[in-house]
Amino acid sequence: MKSEDMTYESAIERLETLAREMESGEVAIDLLAAKLKEAQQLLAFCKDKLTKADEEVKKLLEG
């Protein structure tokens, strides 16, 4: 899924899936780095969404 098509909720769902997979200990070592990289990208995406939402709310409250 492209990040422009992704919602905050779908990113969180994917992060939860990745966390469960990694916590299970059944992720092949060859795939672990790729899954960690994906998780980092999803976390950055979510942080950006939250920051933008926070800024919008502050503008609305100030206006």
PDB file of N, CA and C in Angstrom:
ATOM      1  N   MET A   1       0.852  -1.185   0.000  1.00  0.00           N
ATOM      2  CA  MET A   1       0.000   0.000   0.000  1.00  0.00           C
ATOM      3  C   MET A   1       0.890   1.237   0.000  1.00  0.00           C
ATOM      4  N   LYS A   2       0.621   2.156  -0.885  1.00  0.00           N
ATOM      5  CA  LYS A   2       1.380   3.392  -0.961  1.00  0.00           C
ATOM      6  C   LYS A   2       1.020   4.284   0.219  1.00  0.00           C
ATOM      7  N   SER A   3       1.980   5.061   0.685  1.00  0.00           N
ATOM      8  CA  SER A   3       1.723   5.896   1.856  1.00  0.00           C
ATOM      9  C   SER A   3       0.645   6.936   1.597  1.00  0.00           C
ATOM     10  N   GLU A   4       0.508   7.406   0.336  1.00  0.00           N
ATOM     11  CA  GLU A   4      -0.547   8.389   0.061  1.00  0.00           C
ATOM     12  C   GLU A   4      -1.936   7.768   0.128  1.00  0.00           C
ATOM     13  N   ASP A   5      -2.018   6.447  -0.002  1.00  0.00           N
ATOM     14  CA  ASP A   5      -3.299   5.753   0.092  1.00  0.00           C
ATOM     15  C   ASP A   5      -3.567   5.240   1.517  1.00  0.00           C
ATOM     16  N   MET A   6      -2.567   5.296   2.360  1.00  0.00           N
ATOM     17  CA  MET A   6      -2.652   4.715   3.689  1.00  0.00           C
ATOM     18  C   MET A   6      -3.324   5.669   4.671  1.00  0.00           C
ATOM     19  N   THR A   7      -4.104   5.100   5.545  1.00  0.00           N
ATOM     20  CA  THR A   7      -4.688   5.880   6.629  1.00  0.00           C
ATOM     21  C   THR A   7      -3.907   5.590   7.904  1.00  0.00           C
ATOM     22  N   TYR A   8      -4.087   6.430   8.885  1.00  0.00           N
ATOM     23  CA  TYR A   8      -3.448   6.222  10.188  1.00  0.00           C
ATOM     24  C   TYR A   8      -3.852   4.865  10.743  1.00  0.00           C
ATOM     25  N   GLU A   9      -5.133   4.555  10.629  1.00  0.00           N
ATOM     26  CA  GLU A   9      -5.650   3.304  11.173  1.00  0.00           C
ATOM     27  C   GLU A   9      -5.044   2.081  10.480  1.00  0.00           C
ATOM     28  N   SER A  10      -4.901   2.144   9.157  1.00  0.00           N
ATOM     29  CA  SER A  10      -4.319   1.000   8.448  1.00  0.00           C
ATOM     30  C   SER A  10      -2.837   0.851   8.785  1.00  0.00           C
ATOM     31  N   ALA A  11      -2.147   1.966   9.012  1.00  0.00           N
ATOM     32  CA  ALA A  11      -0.743   1.901   9.405  1.00  0.00           C
ATOM     33  C   ALA A  11      -0.602   1.257  10.785  1.00  0.00           C
ATOM     34  N   ILE A  12      -1.481   1.625  11.706  1.00  0.00           N
ATOM     35  CA  ILE A  12      -1.449   1.039  13.048  1.00  0.00           C
ATOM     36  C   ILE A  12      -1.735  -0.460  12.982  1.00  0.00           C
ATOM     37  N   GLU A  13      -2.707  -0.852  12.181  1.00  0.00           N
ATOM     38  CA  GLU A  13      -3.018  -2.280  12.026  1.00  0.00           C
ATOM     39  C   GLU A  13      -1.807  -3.043  11.510  1.00  0.00           C
ATOM     40  N   ARG A  14      -1.122  -2.483  10.518  1.00  0.00           N
ATOM     41  CA  ARG A  14       0.058  -3.144   9.965  1.00  0.00           C
ATOM     42  C   ARG A  14       1.175  -3.218  11.003  1.00  0.00           C
ATOM     43  N   LEU A  15       1.355  -2.148  11.784  1.00  0.00           N
ATOM     44  CA  LEU A  15       2.353  -2.172  12.848  1.00  0.00           C
ATOM     45  C   LEU A  15       2.050  -3.269  13.868  1.00  0.00           C
ATOM     46  N   GLU A  16       0.777  -3.414  14.226  1.00  0.00           N
ATOM     47  CA  GLU A  16       0.388  -4.453  15.174  1.00  0.00           C
ATOM     48  C   GLU A  16       0.672  -5.837  14.613  1.00  0.00           C
ATOM     49  N   THR A  17       0.411  -6.020  13.335  1.00  0.00           N
ATOM     50  CA  THR A  17       0.693  -7.302  12.678  1.00  0.00           C
ATOM     51  C   THR A  17       2.197  -7.590  12.696  1.00  0.00           C
ATOM     52  N   LEU A  18       2.989  -6.590  12.335  1.00  0.00           N
ATOM     53  CA  LEU A  18       4.440  -6.765  12.341  1.00  0.00           C
ATOM     54  C   LEU A  18       4.948  -7.094  13.741  1.00  0.00           C
ATOM     55  N   ALA A  19       4.425  -6.408  14.738  1.00  0.00           N
ATOM     56  CA  ALA A  19       4.846  -6.659  16.119  1.00  0.00           C
ATOM     57  C   ALA A  19       4.527  -8.084  16.537  1.00  0.00           C
ATOM     58  N   ARG A  20       3.327  -8.549  16.204  1.00  0.00           N
ATOM     59  CA  ARG A  20       2.957  -9.934  16.549  1.00  0.00           C
ATOM     60  C   ARG A  20       3.879 -10.930  15.857  1.00  0.00           C
ATOM     61  N   GLU A  21       4.172 -10.685  14.587  1.00  0.00           N
ATOM     62  CA  GLU A  21       5.043 -11.589  13.838  1.00  0.00           C
ATOM     63  C   GLU A  21       6.439 -11.645  14.466  1.00  0.00           C
ATOM     64  N   MET A  22       6.980 -10.481  14.818  1.00  0.00           N
ATOM     65  CA  MET A  22       8.326 -10.445  15.388  1.00  0.00           C
ATOM     66  C   MET A  22       8.358 -11.016  16.803  1.00  0.00           C
ATOM     67  N   GLU A  23       7.305 -10.756  17.571  1.00  0.00           N
ATOM     68  CA  GLU A  23       7.249 -11.274  18.939  1.00  0.00           C
ATOM     69  C   GLU A  23       7.097 -12.795  18.969  1.00  0.00           C
ATOM     70  N   SER A  24       6.520 -13.351  17.921  1.00  0.00           N
ATOM     71  CA  SER A  24       6.317 -14.797  17.879  1.00  0.00           C
ATOM     72  C   SER A  24       7.638 -15.556  17.765  1.00  0.00           C
ATOM     73  N   GLY A  25       8.669 -14.861  17.282  1.00  0.00           N
ATOM     74  CA  GLY A  25       9.960 -15.504  17.113  1.00  0.00           C
ATOM     75  C   GLY A  25      10.032 -16.376  15.880  1.00  0.00           C
ATOM     76  N   GLU A  26       9.015 -16.316  15.049  1.00  0.00           N
ATOM     77  CA  GLU A  26       8.963 -17.172  13.872  1.00  0.00           C
ATOM     78  C   GLU A  26       9.346 -16.453  12.588  1.00  0.00           C
ATOM     79  N   VAL A  27       9.824 -15.221  12.704  1.00  0.00           N
ATOM     80  CA  VAL A  27      10.232 -14.468  11.525  1.00  0.00           C
ATOM     81  C   VAL A  27      11.630 -14.937  11.125  1.00  0.00           C
ATOM     82  N   ALA A  28      11.774 -15.308   9.878  1.00  0.00           N
ATOM     83  CA  ALA A  28      13.079 -15.722   9.381  1.00  0.00           C
ATOM     84  C   ALA A  28      14.056 -14.568   9.523  1.00  0.00           C
ATOM     85  N   ILE A  29      15.259 -14.887   9.928  1.00  0.00           N
ATOM     86  CA  ILE A  29      16.269 -13.849  10.157  1.00  0.00           C
ATOM     87  C   ILE A  29      16.495 -13.018   8.902  1.00  0.00           C
ATOM     88  N   ASP A  30      16.333 -13.606   7.737  1.00  0.00           N
ATOM     89  CA  ASP A  30      16.504 -12.887   6.482  1.00  0.00           C
ATOM     90  C   ASP A  30      15.420 -11.824   6.278  1.00  0.00           C
ATOM     91  N   LEU A  31      14.273 -12.020   6.893  1.00  0.00           N
ATOM     92  CA  LEU A  31      13.162 -11.084   6.743  1.00  0.00           C
ATOM     93  C   LEU A  31      13.083 -10.058   7.863  1.00  0.00           C
ATOM     94  N   LEU A  32      13.797 -10.313   8.947  1.00  0.00           N
ATOM     95  CA  LEU A  32      13.696  -9.459  10.125  1.00  0.00           C
ATOM     96  C   LEU A  32      14.080  -8.013   9.827  1.00  0.00           C
ATOM     97  N   ALA A  33      15.166  -7.795   9.131  1.00  0.00           N
ATOM     98  CA  ALA A  33      15.601  -6.426   8.828  1.00  0.00           C
ATOM     99  C   ALA A  33      14.565  -5.699   7.979  1.00  0.00           C
ATOM    100  N   ALA A  34      13.988  -6.388   7.008  1.00  0.00           N
ATOM    101  CA  ALA A  34      12.977  -5.760   6.152  1.00  0.00           C
ATOM    102  C   ALA A  34      11.733  -5.405   6.961  1.00  0.00           C
ATOM    103  N   LYS A  35      11.336  -6.272   7.878  1.00  0.00           N
ATOM    104  CA  LYS A  35      10.157  -5.998   8.701  1.00  0.00           C
ATOM    105  C   LYS A  35      10.424  -4.831   9.661  1.00  0.00           C
ATOM    106  N   LEU A  36      11.636  -4.768  10.204  1.00  0.00           N
ATOM    107  CA  LEU A  36      11.986  -3.649  11.076  1.00  0.00           C
ATOM    108  C   LEU A  36      11.999  -2.334  10.301  1.00  0.00           C
ATOM    109  N   LYS A  37      12.520  -2.362   9.083  1.00  0.00           N
ATOM    110  CA  LYS A  37      12.540  -1.162   8.246  1.00  0.00           C
ATOM    111  C   LYS A  37      11.115  -0.704   7.937  1.00  0.00           C
ATOM    112  N   GLU A  38      10.248  -1.646   7.607  1.00  0.00           N
ATOM    113  CA  GLU A  38       8.842  -1.302   7.337  1.00  0.00           C
ATOM    114  C   GLU A  38       8.196  -0.696   8.579  1.00  0.00           C
ATOM    115  N   ALA A  39       8.480  -1.286   9.743  1.00  0.00           N
ATOM    116  CA  ALA A  39       7.914  -0.773  10.990  1.00  0.00           C
ATOM    117  C   ALA A  39       8.390   0.651  11.255  1.00  0.00           C
ATOM    118  N   GLN A  40       9.664   0.926  10.990  1.00  0.00           N
ATOM    119  CA  GLN A  40      10.191   2.282  11.181  1.00  0.00           C
ATOM    120  C   GLN A  40       9.495   3.275  10.257  1.00  0.00           C
ATOM    121  N   GLN A  41       9.265   2.876   9.027  1.00  0.00           N
ATOM    122  CA  GLN A  41       8.582   3.753   8.072  1.00  0.00           C
ATOM    123  C   GLN A  41       7.142   4.008   8.509  1.00  0.00           C
ATOM    124  N   LEU A  42       6.482   2.986   9.003  1.00  0.00           N
ATOM    125  CA  LEU A  42       5.109   3.140   9.475  1.00  0.00           C
ATOM    126  C   LEU A  42       5.047   4.047  10.702  1.00  0.00           C
ATOM    127  N   LEU A  43       6.013   3.893  11.604  1.00  0.00           N
ATOM    128  CA  LEU A  43       6.056   4.762  12.785  1.00  0.00           C
ATOM    129  C   LEU A  43       6.259   6.222  12.392  1.00  0.00           C
ATOM    130  N   ALA A  44       7.132   6.463  11.427  1.00  0.00           N
ATOM    131  CA  ALA A  44       7.359   7.831  10.954  1.00  0.00           C
ATOM    132  C   ALA A  44       6.091   8.385  10.314  1.00  0.00           C
ATOM    133  N   PHE A  45       5.404   7.567   9.548  1.00  0.00           N
ATOM    134  CA  PHE A  45       4.147   7.972   8.912  1.00  0.00           C
ATOM    135  C   PHE A  45       3.119   8.357   9.976  1.00  0.00           C
ATOM    136  N   CYS A  46       2.970   7.522  11.002  1.00  0.00           N
ATOM    137  CA  CYS A  46       1.993   7.779  12.061  1.00  0.00           C
ATOM    138  C   CYS A  46       2.354   9.045  12.843  1.00  0.00           C
ATOM    139  N   LYS A  47       3.633   9.219  13.142  1.00  0.00           N
ATOM    140  CA  LYS A  47       4.071  10.409  13.864  1.00  0.00           C
ATOM    141  C   LYS A  47       3.759  11.658  13.063  1.00  0.00           C
ATOM    142  N   ASP A  48       4.002  11.605  11.768  1.00  0.00           N
ATOM    143  CA  ASP A  48       3.714  12.743  10.896  1.00  0.00           C
ATOM    144  C   ASP A  48       2.219  13.057  10.884  1.00  0.00           C
ATOM    145  N   LYS A  49       1.390  12.024  10.780  1.00  0.00           N
ATOM    146  CA  LYS A  49      -0.070  12.229  10.786  1.00  0.00           C
ATOM    147  C   LYS A  49      -0.523  12.877  12.091  1.00  0.00           C
ATOM    148  N   LEU A  50       0.006  12.376  13.220  1.00  0.00           N
ATOM    149  CA  LEU A  50      -0.379  12.923  14.523  1.00  0.00           C
ATOM    150  C   LEU A  50       0.082  14.367  14.680  1.00  0.00           C
ATOM    151  N   THR A  51       1.281  14.664  14.215  1.00  0.00           N
ATOM    152  CA  THR A  51       1.807  16.032  14.302  1.00  0.00           C
ATOM    153  C   THR A  51       0.940  16.988  13.486  1.00  0.00           C
ATOM    154  N   LYS A  52       0.588  16.590  12.282  1.00  0.00           N
ATOM    155  CA  LYS A  52      -0.249  17.437  11.425  1.00  0.00           C
ATOM    156  C   LYS A  52      -1.636  17.633  12.036  1.00  0.00           C
ATOM    157  N   ALA A  53      -2.201  16.576  12.591  1.00  0.00           N
ATOM    158  CA  ALA A  53      -3.522  16.691  13.218  1.00  0.00           C
ATOM    159  C   ALA A  53      -3.460  17.622  14.422  1.00  0.00           C
ATOM    160  N   ASP A  54      -2.390  17.508  15.214  1.00  0.00           N
ATOM    161  CA  ASP A  54      -2.211  18.371  16.376  1.00  0.00           C
ATOM    162  C   ASP A  54      -2.112  19.834  15.955  1.00  0.00           C
ATOM    163  N   GLU A  55      -1.358  20.103  14.892  1.00  0.00           N
ATOM    164  CA  GLU A  55      -1.207  21.475  14.400  1.00  0.00           C
ATOM    165  C   GLU A  55      -2.555  22.028  13.929  1.00  0.00           C
ATOM    166  N   GLU A  56      -3.334  21.215  13.236  1.00  0.00           N
ATOM    167  CA  GLU A  56      -4.638  21.662  12.754  1.00  0.00           C
ATOM    168  C   GLU A  56      -5.583  21.978  13.913  1.00  0.00           C
ATOM    169  N   VAL A  57      -5.574  21.130  14.929  1.00  0.00           N
ATOM    170  CA  VAL A  57      -6.433  21.356  16.087  1.00  0.00           C
ATOM    171  C   VAL A  57      -6.036  22.653  16.790  1.00  0.00           C
ATOM    172  N   LYS A  58      -4.724  22.863  16.950  1.00  0.00           N
ATOM    173  CA  LYS A  58      -4.262  24.101  17.597  1.00  0.00           C
ATOM    174  C   LYS A  58      -4.694  25.333  16.822  1.00  0.00           C
ATOM    175  N   LYS A  59      -4.602  25.287  15.489  1.00  0.00           N
ATOM    176  CA  LYS A  59      -5.024  26.408  14.656  1.00  0.00           C
ATOM    177  C   LYS A  59      -6.515  26.676  14.815  1.00  0.00           C
ATOM    178  N   LEU A  60      -7.299  25.609  14.855  1.00  0.00           N
ATOM    179  CA  LEU A  60      -8.748  25.762  15.025  1.00  0.00           C
ATOM    180  C   LEU A  60      -9.099  26.356  16.375  1.00  0.00           C
ATOM    181  N   LEU A  61      -8.388  25.910  17.402  1.00  0.00           N
ATOM    182  CA  LEU A  61      -8.665  26.427  18.749  1.00  0.00           C
ATOM    183  C   LEU A  61      -8.218  27.870  18.906  1.00  0.00           C
ATOM    184  N   GLU A  62      -7.154  28.260  18.216  1.00  0.00           N
ATOM    185  CA  GLU A  62      -6.672  29.631  18.297  1.00  0.00           C
ATOM    186  C   GLU A  62      -7.524  30.582  17.468  1.00  0.00           C
ATOM    187  N   GLY A  63      -8.112  30.053  16.393  1.00  0.00           N
ATOM    188  CA  GLY A  63      -8.864  30.894  15.467  1.00  0.00           C
ATOM    189  C   GLY A  63     -10.212  31.137  15.930  1.00  0.00           C
TER     190      GLY A  63
END
